Full PDB file with SEQRES, HELIX, SHEET, SSBOND, CRYST1, ORIGX, SCALE, CONECT and MASTER records, all heavy atoms in Angstrom:
SEQRES   1 A   42  ARG CYS VAL LEU LYS HIS GLY PRO GLY SER LEU ALA LEU          
SEQRES   2 A   42  ILE THR THR ASP SER TYR ARG ILE GLY ALA HIS GLU GLN          
SEQRES   3 A   42  LEU LYS ILE TYR GLY LYS ILE LEU SER ALA PRO VAL HIS          
SEQRES   4 A   42  ALA VAL LYS                                                  
HELIX    1 AA1 CYS A    2  HIS A    6  1                                   5    
HELIX    2 AA2 ALA A   23  LEU A   34  1                                  12    
SHEET    1 AA1 2 LEU A  13  THR A  15  0                                        
SHEET    2 AA1 2 VAL A  38  ALA A  40  1                                        
CRYST1    1.000    1.000    1.000  90.00  90.00  90.00 P 1           1          
ORIGX1      1.000000  0.000000  0.000000        0.00000                         
ORIGX2      0.000000  1.000000  0.000000        0.00000                         
ORIGX3      0.000000  0.000000  1.000000        0.00000                         
SCALE1      1.000000  0.000000  0.000000        0.00000                         
SCALE2      0.000000  1.000000  0.000000        0.00000                         
SCALE3      0.000000  0.000000  1.000000        0.00000                         
ATOM      1  N   ARG A   1       0.866  -1.236   0.035  1.00  0.00           N  
ATOM      2  CA  ARG A   1      -0.037   0.002  -0.021  1.00  0.00           C  
ATOM      3  C   ARG A   1       0.903   1.281   0.013  1.00  0.00           C  
ATOM      4  O   ARG A   1       0.554   2.240  -0.703  1.00  0.00           O  
ATOM      5  CB  ARG A   1      -0.890   0.013   1.205  1.00  0.00           C  
ATOM      6  CG  ARG A   1      -2.147  -0.921   1.107  1.00  0.00           C  
ATOM      7  CD  ARG A   1      -2.957  -0.877   2.381  1.00  0.00           C  
ATOM      8  NE  ARG A   1      -3.301   0.396   2.719  1.00  0.00           N  
ATOM      9  CZ  ARG A   1      -3.445   0.875   3.943  1.00  0.00           C  
ATOM     10  NH1 ARG A   1      -3.307   0.122   4.998  1.00  0.00           N  
ATOM     11  NH2 ARG A   1      -3.781   2.218   4.142  1.00  0.00           N  
ATOM     12  N   CYS A   2       2.005   1.228   0.808  1.00  0.00           N  
ATOM     13  CA  CYS A   2       2.833   2.431   0.916  1.00  0.00           C  
ATOM     14  C   CYS A   2       3.442   2.715  -0.456  1.00  0.00           C  
ATOM     15  O   CYS A   2       3.404   3.892  -0.939  1.00  0.00           O  
ATOM     16  CB  CYS A   2       3.934   2.091   1.928  1.00  0.00           C  
ATOM     17  SG  CYS A   2       5.164   3.438   2.053  1.00  0.00           S  
ATOM     18  N   VAL A   3       3.959   1.735  -1.176  1.00  0.00           N  
ATOM     19  CA  VAL A   3       4.587   1.920  -2.506  1.00  0.00           C  
ATOM     20  C   VAL A   3       3.594   2.331  -3.557  1.00  0.00           C  
ATOM     21  O   VAL A   3       3.895   3.260  -4.319  1.00  0.00           O  
ATOM     22  CB  VAL A   3       5.332   0.603  -2.918  1.00  0.00           C  
ATOM     23  CG1 VAL A   3       5.896   0.707  -4.424  1.00  0.00           C  
ATOM     24  CG2 VAL A   3       6.488   0.310  -1.968  1.00  0.00           C  
ATOM     25  N   LEU A   4       2.370   1.793  -3.484  1.00  0.00           N  
ATOM     26  CA  LEU A   4       1.455   2.194  -4.488  1.00  0.00           C  
ATOM     27  C   LEU A   4       1.019   3.732  -4.217  1.00  0.00           C  
ATOM     28  O   LEU A   4       0.704   4.413  -5.152  1.00  0.00           O  
ATOM     29  CB  LEU A   4       0.150   1.311  -4.341  1.00  0.00           C  
ATOM     30  CG  LEU A   4       0.205  -0.119  -4.907  1.00  0.00           C  
ATOM     31  CD1 LEU A   4      -0.933  -0.943  -4.594  1.00  0.00           C  
ATOM     32  CD2 LEU A   4       0.432   0.002  -6.469  1.00  0.00           C  
ATOM     33  N   LYS A   5       0.886   4.046  -3.019  1.00  0.00           N  
ATOM     34  CA  LYS A   5       0.485   5.480  -2.590  1.00  0.00           C  
ATOM     35  C   LYS A   5       1.559   6.490  -2.708  1.00  0.00           C  
ATOM     36  O   LYS A   5       1.372   7.566  -3.218  1.00  0.00           O  
ATOM     37  CB  LYS A   5      -0.106   5.446  -1.188  1.00  0.00           C  
ATOM     38  CG  LYS A   5      -0.797   6.770  -0.803  1.00  0.00           C  
ATOM     39  CD  LYS A   5      -1.530   6.689   0.460  1.00  0.00           C  
ATOM     40  CE  LYS A   5      -2.221   8.008   0.829  1.00  0.00           C  
ATOM     41  NZ  LYS A   5      -3.093   7.800   2.077  1.00  0.00           N  
ATOM     42  N   HIS A   6       2.769   6.111  -2.245  1.00  0.00           N  
ATOM     43  CA  HIS A   6       3.810   7.084  -2.117  1.00  0.00           C  
ATOM     44  C   HIS A   6       5.043   6.934  -3.111  1.00  0.00           C  
ATOM     45  O   HIS A   6       5.911   7.692  -3.188  1.00  0.00           O  
ATOM     46  CB  HIS A   6       4.376   7.184  -0.751  1.00  0.00           C  
ATOM     47  CG  HIS A   6       3.287   7.558   0.300  1.00  0.00           C  
ATOM     48  ND1 HIS A   6       2.840   8.725   0.455  1.00  0.00           N  
ATOM     49  CD2 HIS A   6       2.664   6.743   1.184  1.00  0.00           C  
ATOM     50  CE1 HIS A   6       1.951   8.778   1.429  1.00  0.00           C  
ATOM     51  NE2 HIS A   6       1.800   7.532   1.925  1.00  0.00           N  
ATOM     52  N   GLY A   7       4.996   5.758  -3.822  1.00  0.00           N  
ATOM     53  CA  GLY A   7       5.960   5.479  -4.834  1.00  0.00           C  
ATOM     54  C   GLY A   7       7.203   4.768  -4.300  1.00  0.00           C  
ATOM     55  O   GLY A   7       7.437   4.673  -3.129  1.00  0.00           O  
ATOM     56  N   PRO A   8       8.054   4.271  -5.268  1.00  0.00           N  
ATOM     57  CA  PRO A   8       9.299   3.641  -4.879  1.00  0.00           C  
ATOM     58  C   PRO A   8      10.187   4.588  -4.064  1.00  0.00           C  
ATOM     59  O   PRO A   8      10.177   5.807  -4.291  1.00  0.00           O  
ATOM     60  CB  PRO A   8       9.954   3.255  -6.199  1.00  0.00           C  
ATOM     61  CG  PRO A   8       8.792   3.280  -7.199  1.00  0.00           C  
ATOM     62  CD  PRO A   8       7.838   4.342  -6.663  1.00  0.00           C  
ATOM     63  N   GLY A   9      10.934   4.042  -3.107  1.00  0.00           N  
ATOM     64  CA  GLY A   9      11.846   4.901  -2.298  1.00  0.00           C  
ATOM     65  C   GLY A   9      11.243   5.423  -1.175  1.00  0.00           C  
ATOM     66  O   GLY A   9      11.760   6.099  -0.291  1.00  0.00           O  
ATOM     67  N   SER A  10       9.869   5.115  -0.929  1.00  0.00           N  
ATOM     68  CA  SER A  10       9.175   5.604   0.216  1.00  0.00           C  
ATOM     69  C   SER A  10       9.203   4.560   1.367  1.00  0.00           C  
ATOM     70  O   SER A  10       8.679   4.888   2.554  1.00  0.00           O  
ATOM     71  CB  SER A  10       7.777   5.936  -0.052  1.00  0.00           C  
ATOM     72  OG  SER A  10       7.011   4.694  -0.535  1.00  0.00           O  
ATOM     73  N   LEU A  11       9.770   3.419   1.191  1.00  0.00           N  
ATOM     74  CA  LEU A  11       9.680   2.325   2.132  1.00  0.00           C  
ATOM     75  C   LEU A  11      11.008   1.556   2.431  1.00  0.00           C  
ATOM     76  O   LEU A  11      11.853   1.558   1.526  1.00  0.00           O  
ATOM     77  CB  LEU A  11       8.685   1.307   1.582  1.00  0.00           C  
ATOM     78  CG  LEU A  11       8.549  -0.049   2.263  1.00  0.00           C  
ATOM     79  CD1 LEU A  11       7.749   0.025   3.509  1.00  0.00           C  
ATOM     80  CD2 LEU A  11       7.950  -1.059   1.306  1.00  0.00           C  
ATOM     81  N   ALA A  12      11.105   1.185   3.678  1.00  0.00           N  
ATOM     82  CA  ALA A  12      12.191   0.311   4.016  1.00  0.00           C  
ATOM     83  C   ALA A  12      11.749  -0.678   5.065  1.00  0.00           C  
ATOM     84  O   ALA A  12      10.786  -0.486   5.784  1.00  0.00           O  
ATOM     85  CB  ALA A  12      13.326   1.104   4.709  1.00  0.00           C  
ATOM     86  N   LEU A  13      12.331  -1.891   4.898  1.00  0.00           N  
ATOM     87  CA  LEU A  13      11.958  -3.042   5.820  1.00  0.00           C  
ATOM     88  C   LEU A  13      13.100  -3.435   6.694  1.00  0.00           C  
ATOM     89  O   LEU A  13      14.330  -3.434   6.226  1.00  0.00           O  
ATOM     90  CB  LEU A  13      11.391  -4.199   4.881  1.00  0.00           C  
ATOM     91  CG  LEU A  13      10.334  -3.936   3.939  1.00  0.00           C  
ATOM     92  CD1 LEU A  13      10.059  -5.128   3.032  1.00  0.00           C  
ATOM     93  CD2 LEU A  13       9.133  -3.529   4.713  1.00  0.00           C  
ATOM     94  N   ILE A  14      12.837  -3.818   7.850  1.00  0.00           N  
ATOM     95  CA  ILE A  14      13.806  -4.312   8.819  1.00  0.00           C  
ATOM     96  C   ILE A  14      13.188  -5.549   9.486  1.00  0.00           C  
ATOM     97  O   ILE A  14      12.008  -5.645   9.868  1.00  0.00           O  
ATOM     98  CB  ILE A  14      14.092  -3.247   9.878  1.00  0.00           C  
ATOM     99  CG1 ILE A  14      14.732  -1.976   9.294  1.00  0.00           C  
ATOM    100  CG2 ILE A  14      15.053  -3.795  11.003  1.00  0.00           C  
ATOM    101  CD1 ILE A  14      14.845  -0.837  10.257  1.00  0.00           C  
ATOM    102  N   THR A  15      14.114  -6.466   9.786  1.00  0.00           N  
ATOM    103  CA  THR A  15      13.698  -7.708  10.540  1.00  0.00           C  
ATOM    104  C   THR A  15      14.588  -7.864  11.743  1.00  0.00           C  
ATOM    105  O   THR A  15      15.881  -7.689  11.696  1.00  0.00           O  
ATOM    106  CB  THR A  15      13.652  -8.972   9.802  1.00  0.00           C  
ATOM    107  OG1 THR A  15      13.295 -10.054  10.594  1.00  0.00           O  
ATOM    108  CG2 THR A  15      15.075  -9.323   9.165  1.00  0.00           C  
ATOM    109  N   THR A  16      14.048  -8.107  12.953  1.00  0.00           N  
ATOM    110  CA  THR A  16      14.779  -8.426  14.089  1.00  0.00           C  
ATOM    111  C   THR A  16      14.609  -9.973  14.421  1.00  0.00           C  
ATOM    112  O   THR A  16      15.053 -10.411  15.430  1.00  0.00           O  
ATOM    113  CB  THR A  16      14.271  -7.593  15.297  1.00  0.00           C  
ATOM    114  OG1 THR A  16      12.986  -8.018  15.677  1.00  0.00           O  
ATOM    115  CG2 THR A  16      14.364  -6.143  15.067  1.00  0.00           C  
ATOM    116  N   ASP A  17      13.976 -10.644  13.502  1.00  0.00           N  
ATOM    117  CA  ASP A  17      13.669 -12.055  13.692  1.00  0.00           C  
ATOM    118  C   ASP A  17      14.899 -12.911  13.289  1.00  0.00           C  
ATOM    119  O   ASP A  17      15.040 -13.313  12.184  1.00  0.00           O  
ATOM    120  CB  ASP A  17      12.474 -12.459  12.860  1.00  0.00           C  
ATOM    121  CG  ASP A  17      11.921 -13.859  13.235  1.00  0.00           C  
ATOM    122  OD1 ASP A  17      12.632 -14.542  14.057  1.00  0.00           O  
ATOM    123  OD2 ASP A  17      10.866 -14.311  12.736  1.00  0.00           O  
ATOM    124  N   SER A  18      15.644 -13.220  14.404  1.00  0.00           N  
ATOM    125  CA  SER A  18      16.794 -14.146  14.168  1.00  0.00           C  
ATOM    126  C   SER A  18      16.607 -15.554  14.520  1.00  0.00           C  
ATOM    127  O   SER A  18      17.409 -16.375  14.563  1.00  0.00           O  
ATOM    128  CB  SER A  18      18.178 -13.637  14.759  1.00  0.00           C  
ATOM    129  OG  SER A  18      17.809 -13.524  16.213  1.00  0.00           O  
ATOM    130  N   TYR A  19      15.304 -15.842  14.901  1.00  0.00           N  
ATOM    131  CA  TYR A  19      14.920 -17.091  15.475  1.00  0.00           C  
ATOM    132  C   TYR A  19      14.338 -18.098  14.424  1.00  0.00           C  
ATOM    133  O   TYR A  19      14.637 -19.182  14.381  1.00  0.00           O  
ATOM    134  CB  TYR A  19      13.966 -17.001  16.645  1.00  0.00           C  
ATOM    135  CG  TYR A  19      14.456 -16.159  17.887  1.00  0.00           C  
ATOM    136  CD1 TYR A  19      14.082 -14.893  18.029  1.00  0.00           C  
ATOM    137  CD2 TYR A  19      15.350 -16.771  18.715  1.00  0.00           C  
ATOM    138  CE1 TYR A  19      14.534 -14.192  19.098  1.00  0.00           C  
ATOM    139  CE2 TYR A  19      15.801 -16.030  19.799  1.00  0.00           C  
ATOM    140  CZ  TYR A  19      15.410 -14.766  19.993  1.00  0.00           C  
ATOM    141  OH  TYR A  19      15.857 -14.016  21.004  1.00  0.00           O  
ATOM    142  N   ARG A  20      13.481 -17.525  13.528  1.00  0.00           N  
ATOM    143  CA  ARG A  20      12.709 -18.215  12.560  1.00  0.00           C  
ATOM    144  C   ARG A  20      13.590 -18.474  11.362  1.00  0.00           C  
ATOM    145  O   ARG A  20      14.049 -17.531  10.694  1.00  0.00           O  
ATOM    146  CB  ARG A  20      11.436 -17.614  12.281  1.00  0.00           C  
ATOM    147  CG  ARG A  20      10.464 -18.371  11.431  1.00  0.00           C  
ATOM    148  CD  ARG A  20       9.048 -17.811  11.466  1.00  0.00           C  
ATOM    149  NE  ARG A  20       9.058 -16.382  11.137  1.00  0.00           N  
ATOM    150  CZ  ARG A  20       8.800 -15.852  10.045  1.00  0.00           C  
ATOM    151  NH1 ARG A  20       8.592 -16.615   9.032  1.00  0.00           N  
ATOM    152  NH2 ARG A  20       8.801 -14.605   9.839  1.00  0.00           N  
ATOM    153  N   ILE A  21      13.719 -19.764  10.917  1.00  0.00           N  
ATOM    154  CA  ILE A  21      14.498 -20.010   9.704  1.00  0.00           C  
ATOM    155  C   ILE A  21      13.877 -19.442   8.487  1.00  0.00           C  
ATOM    156  O   ILE A  21      12.626 -19.620   8.291  1.00  0.00           O  
ATOM    157  CB  ILE A  21      14.635 -21.541   9.551  1.00  0.00           C  
ATOM    158  CG1 ILE A  21      15.501 -22.132  10.737  1.00  0.00           C  
ATOM    159  CG2 ILE A  21      15.338 -21.824   8.216  1.00  0.00           C  
ATOM    160  CD1 ILE A  21      15.632 -23.604  10.707  1.00  0.00           C  
ATOM    161  N   GLY A  22      14.582 -18.659   7.708  1.00  0.00           N  
ATOM    162  CA  GLY A  22      14.033 -18.069   6.472  1.00  0.00           C  
ATOM    163  C   GLY A  22      13.351 -16.834   6.607  1.00  0.00           C  
ATOM    164  O   GLY A  22      12.762 -16.320   5.659  1.00  0.00           O  
ATOM    165  N   ALA A  23      13.269 -16.206   7.854  1.00  0.00           N  
ATOM    166  CA  ALA A  23      12.463 -15.033   8.109  1.00  0.00           C  
ATOM    167  C   ALA A  23      13.096 -13.867   7.278  1.00  0.00           C  
ATOM    168  O   ALA A  23      12.333 -13.140   6.585  1.00  0.00           O  
ATOM    169  CB  ALA A  23      12.466 -14.670   9.575  1.00  0.00           C  
ATOM    170  N   HIS A  24      14.360 -13.678   7.223  1.00  0.00           N  
ATOM    171  CA  HIS A  24      15.011 -12.646   6.490  1.00  0.00           C  
ATOM    172  C   HIS A  24      14.859 -12.837   5.050  1.00  0.00           C  
ATOM    173  O   HIS A  24      14.510 -11.897   4.266  1.00  0.00           O  
ATOM    174  CB  HIS A  24      16.551 -12.614   6.822  1.00  0.00           C  
ATOM    175  CG  HIS A  24      17.277 -11.476   6.220  1.00  0.00           C  
ATOM    176  ND1 HIS A  24      18.615 -11.413   6.021  1.00  0.00           N  
ATOM    177  CD2 HIS A  24      16.823 -10.243   5.788  1.00  0.00           C  
ATOM    178  CE1 HIS A  24      18.952 -10.283   5.450  1.00  0.00           C  
ATOM    179  NE2 HIS A  24      17.860  -9.555   5.340  1.00  0.00           N  
ATOM    180  N   GLU A  25      14.931 -14.061   4.540  1.00  0.00           N  
ATOM    181  CA  GLU A  25      14.774 -14.361   3.099  1.00  0.00           C  
ATOM    182  C   GLU A  25      13.406 -14.012   2.613  1.00  0.00           C  
ATOM    183  O   GLU A  25      13.140 -13.553   1.573  1.00  0.00           O  
ATOM    184  CB  GLU A  25      15.122 -15.818   2.820  1.00  0.00           C  
ATOM    185  CG  GLU A  25      16.589 -16.185   2.876  1.00  0.00           C  
ATOM    186  CD  GLU A  25      17.111 -16.179   4.265  1.00  0.00           C  
ATOM    187  OE1 GLU A  25      16.352 -16.246   5.213  1.00  0.00           O  
ATOM    188  OE2 GLU A  25      18.384 -15.981   4.457  1.00  0.00           O  
ATOM    189  N   GLN A  26      12.430 -14.357   3.482  1.00  0.00           N  
ATOM    190  CA  GLN A  26      11.011 -14.103   3.099  1.00  0.00           C  
ATOM    191  C   GLN A  26      10.742 -12.555   2.934  1.00  0.00           C  
ATOM    192  O   GLN A  26      10.233 -12.042   2.002  1.00  0.00           O  
ATOM    193  CB  GLN A  26      10.078 -14.550   4.147  1.00  0.00           C  
ATOM    194  CG  GLN A  26       8.610 -14.483   3.797  1.00  0.00           C  
ATOM    195  CD  GLN A  26       7.689 -15.039   4.860  1.00  0.00           C  
ATOM    196  OE1 GLN A  26       8.145 -15.491   5.881  1.00  0.00           O  
ATOM    197  NE2 GLN A  26       6.301 -15.112   4.594  1.00  0.00           N  
ATOM    198  N   LEU A  27      11.340 -11.787   3.886  1.00  0.00           N  
ATOM    199  CA  LEU A  27      11.199 -10.327   3.822  1.00  0.00           C  
ATOM    200  C   LEU A  27      12.046  -9.753   2.603  1.00  0.00           C  
ATOM    201  O   LEU A  27      11.594  -8.775   1.991  1.00  0.00           O  
ATOM    202  CB  LEU A  27      11.752  -9.630   5.122  1.00  0.00           C  
ATOM    203  CG  LEU A  27      11.064  -8.336   5.451  1.00  0.00           C  
ATOM    204  CD1 LEU A  27       9.600  -8.568   5.752  1.00  0.00           C  
ATOM    205  CD2 LEU A  27      11.755  -7.769   6.752  1.00  0.00           C  
ATOM    206  N   LYS A  28      13.136 -10.399   2.263  1.00  0.00           N  
ATOM    207  CA  LYS A  28      13.962  -9.902   1.079  1.00  0.00           C  
ATOM    208  C   LYS A  28      13.106 -10.086  -0.089  1.00  0.00           C  
ATOM    209  O   LYS A  28      13.272  -9.256  -1.081  1.00  0.00           O  
ATOM    210  CB  LYS A  28      15.268 -10.670   1.063  1.00  0.00           C  
ATOM    211  CG  LYS A  28      16.351 -10.191   2.065  1.00  0.00           C  
ATOM    212  CD  LYS A  28      17.531 -11.100   1.955  1.00  0.00           C  
ATOM    213  CE  LYS A  28      18.325 -10.935   0.653  1.00  0.00           C  
ATOM    214  NZ  LYS A  28      19.577 -11.714   0.586  1.00  0.00           N  
ATOM    215  N   ILE A  29      12.337 -11.065  -0.237  1.00  0.00           N  
ATOM    216  CA  ILE A  29      11.521 -11.332  -1.427  1.00  0.00           C  
ATOM    217  C   ILE A  29      10.501 -10.126  -1.537  1.00  0.00           C  
ATOM    218  O   ILE A  29      10.373  -9.605  -2.667  1.00  0.00           O  
ATOM    219  CB  ILE A  29      10.807 -12.703  -1.366  1.00  0.00           C  
ATOM    220  CG1 ILE A  29      11.799 -13.823  -1.418  1.00  0.00           C  
ATOM    221  CG2 ILE A  29       9.756 -12.812  -2.517  1.00  0.00           C  
ATOM    222  CD1 ILE A  29      11.184 -15.222  -1.203  1.00  0.00           C  
ATOM    223  N   TYR A  30       9.877  -9.786  -0.481  1.00  0.00           N  
ATOM    224  CA  TYR A  30       8.955  -8.679  -0.573  1.00  0.00           C  
ATOM    225  C   TYR A  30       9.648  -7.480  -0.940  1.00  0.00           C  
ATOM    226  O   TYR A  30       9.211  -6.613  -1.742  1.00  0.00           O  
ATOM    227  CB  TYR A  30       8.244  -8.535   0.813  1.00  0.00           C  
ATOM    228  CG  TYR A  30       7.316  -9.643   1.269  1.00  0.00           C  
ATOM    229  CD1 TYR A  30       7.313 -10.024   2.576  1.00  0.00           C  
ATOM    230  CD2 TYR A  30       6.530 -10.320   0.339  1.00  0.00           C  
ATOM    231  CE1 TYR A  30       6.483 -11.129   2.922  1.00  0.00           C  
ATOM    232  CE2 TYR A  30       5.725 -11.325   0.629  1.00  0.00           C  
ATOM    233  CZ  TYR A  30       5.702 -11.709   1.927  1.00  0.00           C  
ATOM    234  OH  TYR A  30       4.860 -12.775   2.348  1.00  0.00           O  
ATOM    235  N   GLY A  31      10.890  -7.242  -0.303  1.00  0.00           N  
ATOM    236  CA  GLY A  31      11.649  -6.001  -0.638  1.00  0.00           C  
ATOM    237  C   GLY A  31      12.011  -5.947  -2.064  1.00  0.00           C  
ATOM    238  O   GLY A  31      11.960  -4.843  -2.655  1.00  0.00           O  
ATOM    239  N   LYS A  32      12.410  -7.074  -2.644  1.00  0.00           N  
ATOM    240  CA  LYS A  32      12.801  -7.017  -4.064  1.00  0.00           C  
ATOM    241  C   LYS A  32      11.653  -6.730  -4.948  1.00  0.00           C  
ATOM    242  O   LYS A  32      11.775  -5.957  -5.973  1.00  0.00           O  
ATOM    243  CB  LYS A  32      13.366  -8.472  -4.447  1.00  0.00           C  
ATOM    244  CG  LYS A  32      13.948  -8.618  -5.784  1.00  0.00           C  
ATOM    245  CD  LYS A  32      14.548  -9.913  -6.135  1.00  0.00           C  
ATOM    246  CE  LYS A  32      15.104 -10.034  -7.453  1.00  0.00           C  
ATOM    247  NZ  LYS A  32      15.767 -11.313  -7.791  1.00  0.00           N  
ATOM    248  N   ILE A  33      10.480  -7.269  -4.609  1.00  0.00           N  
ATOM    249  CA  ILE A  33       9.321  -7.016  -5.474  1.00  0.00           C  
ATOM    250  C   ILE A  33       8.956  -5.498  -5.419  1.00  0.00           C  
ATOM    251  O   ILE A  33       8.496  -4.914  -6.385  1.00  0.00           O  
ATOM    252  CB  ILE A  33       8.105  -7.849  -4.944  1.00  0.00           C  
ATOM    253  CG1 ILE A  33       8.399  -9.272  -5.226  1.00  0.00           C  
ATOM    254  CG2 ILE A  33       6.814  -7.443  -5.636  1.00  0.00           C  
ATOM    255  CD1 ILE A  33       7.349 -10.238  -4.595  1.00  0.00           C  
ATOM    256  N   LEU A  34       9.078  -4.941  -4.177  1.00  0.00           N  
ATOM    257  CA  LEU A  34       8.671  -3.578  -4.016  1.00  0.00           C  
ATOM    258  C   LEU A  34       9.779  -2.582  -4.176  1.00  0.00           C  
ATOM    259  O   LEU A  34       9.663  -1.351  -3.930  1.00  0.00           O  
ATOM    260  CB  LEU A  34       8.033  -3.328  -2.617  1.00  0.00           C  
ATOM    261  CG  LEU A  34       6.774  -4.160  -2.336  1.00  0.00           C  
ATOM    262  CD1 LEU A  34       6.471  -4.168  -0.850  1.00  0.00           C  
ATOM    263  CD2 LEU A  34       5.650  -3.727  -3.148  1.00  0.00           C  
ATOM    264  N   SER A  35      11.022  -3.080  -4.567  1.00  0.00           N  
ATOM    265  CA  SER A  35      12.168  -2.159  -4.666  1.00  0.00           C  
ATOM    266  C   SER A  35      12.512  -1.465  -3.443  1.00  0.00           C  
ATOM    267  O   SER A  35      12.782  -0.202  -3.463  1.00  0.00           O  
ATOM    268  CB  SER A  35      11.984  -1.110  -5.869  1.00  0.00           C  
ATOM    269  OG  SER A  35      11.855  -1.817  -7.074  1.00  0.00           O  
ATOM    270  N   ALA A  36      12.405  -2.086  -2.255  1.00  0.00           N  
ATOM    271  CA  ALA A  36      12.654  -1.506  -0.982  1.00  0.00           C  
ATOM    272  C   ALA A  36      13.862  -2.200  -0.260  1.00  0.00           C  
ATOM    273  O   ALA A  36      13.956  -3.432  -0.422  1.00  0.00           O  
ATOM    274  CB  ALA A  36      11.410  -1.665  -0.022  1.00  0.00           C  
ATOM    275  N   PRO A  37      14.686  -1.490   0.389  1.00  0.00           N  
ATOM    276  CA  PRO A  37      15.793  -2.139   1.018  1.00  0.00           C  
ATOM    277  C   PRO A  37      15.286  -2.873   2.273  1.00  0.00           C  
ATOM    278  O   PRO A  37      14.369  -2.533   2.959  1.00  0.00           O  
ATOM    279  CB  PRO A  37      16.667  -0.893   1.522  1.00  0.00           C  
ATOM    280  CG  PRO A  37      15.654   0.270   1.611  1.00  0.00           C  
ATOM    281  CD  PRO A  37      14.624  -0.003   0.504  1.00  0.00           C  
ATOM    282  N   VAL A  38      16.065  -4.023   2.594  1.00  0.00           N  
ATOM    283  CA  VAL A  38      15.696  -4.870   3.651  1.00  0.00           C  
ATOM    284  C   VAL A  38      16.994  -5.001   4.487  1.00  0.00           C  
ATOM    285  O   VAL A  38      18.017  -5.318   4.018  1.00  0.00           O  
ATOM    286  CB  VAL A  38      15.237  -6.224   3.152  1.00  0.00           C  
ATOM    287  CG1 VAL A  38      14.896  -7.167   4.348  1.00  0.00           C  
ATOM    288  CG2 VAL A  38      13.990  -6.122   2.259  1.00  0.00           C  
ATOM    289  N   HIS A  39      16.817  -4.815   5.812  1.00  0.00           N  
ATOM    290  CA  HIS A  39      17.890  -4.875   6.719  1.00  0.00           C  
ATOM    291  C   HIS A  39      17.602  -5.937   7.872  1.00  0.00           C  
ATOM    292  O   HIS A  39      16.472  -5.968   8.340  1.00  0.00           O  
ATOM    293  CB  HIS A  39      18.289  -3.507   7.296  1.00  0.00           C  
ATOM    294  CG  HIS A  39      18.543  -2.466   6.346  1.00  0.00           C  
ATOM    295  ND1 HIS A  39      19.828  -2.287   5.841  1.00  0.00           N  
ATOM    296  CD2 HIS A  39      17.745  -1.633   5.707  1.00  0.00           C  
ATOM    297  CE1 HIS A  39      19.782  -1.255   4.940  1.00  0.00           C  
ATOM    298  NE2 HIS A  39      18.533  -0.905   4.897  1.00  0.00           N  
ATOM    299  N   ALA A  40      18.581  -6.685   8.198  1.00  0.00           N  
ATOM    300  CA  ALA A  40      18.421  -7.603   9.434  1.00  0.00           C  
ATOM    301  C   ALA A  40      19.353  -7.036  10.537  1.00  0.00           C  
ATOM    302  O   ALA A  40      20.472  -6.793  10.307  1.00  0.00           O  
ATOM    303  CB  ALA A  40      18.932  -8.998   9.004  1.00  0.00           C  
ATOM    304  N   VAL A  41      18.731  -6.935  11.641  1.00  0.00           N  
ATOM    305  CA  VAL A  41      19.438  -6.411  12.883  1.00  0.00           C  
ATOM    306  C   VAL A  41      19.254  -7.353  14.077  1.00  0.00           C  
ATOM    307  O   VAL A  41      18.291  -8.134  14.136  1.00  0.00           O  
ATOM    308  CB  VAL A  41      18.998  -5.001  13.297  1.00  0.00           C  
ATOM    309  CG1 VAL A  41      19.117  -3.997  12.177  1.00  0.00           C  
ATOM    310  CG2 VAL A  41      17.454  -5.008  13.740  1.00  0.00           C  
ATOM    311  N   LYS A  42      20.312  -7.420  14.868  1.00  0.00           N  
ATOM    312  CA  LYS A  42      20.293  -8.436  16.034  1.00  0.00           C  
ATOM    313  C   LYS A  42      20.339  -7.698  17.343  1.00  0.00           C  
ATOM    314  O   LYS A  42      19.995  -8.342  18.420  1.00  0.00           O  
ATOM    315  CB  LYS A  42      21.575  -9.287  15.922  1.00  0.00           C  
ATOM    316  CG  LYS A  42      21.558 -10.171  14.675  1.00  0.00           C  
ATOM    317  CD  LYS A  42      22.798 -11.051  14.668  1.00  0.00           C  
ATOM    318  CE  LYS A  42      22.849 -11.941  13.430  1.00  0.00           C  
ATOM    319  NZ  LYS A  42      24.126 -12.769  13.444  1.00  0.00           N  
TER     320      LYS A  42                                                      
MASTER        0    0    0    2    2    0    0    6  319    1    0    4          
END                                                                             
């Protein structure tokens, strides 16, 4: 919704989920589709 309303470059994604296997990869897929950066922090 954010990208549709405000355009590319309006969004960034962060994950703090270091417990669930594949959590970062799943978010990276969304980020790639929406052209949004994805960061993992611990």
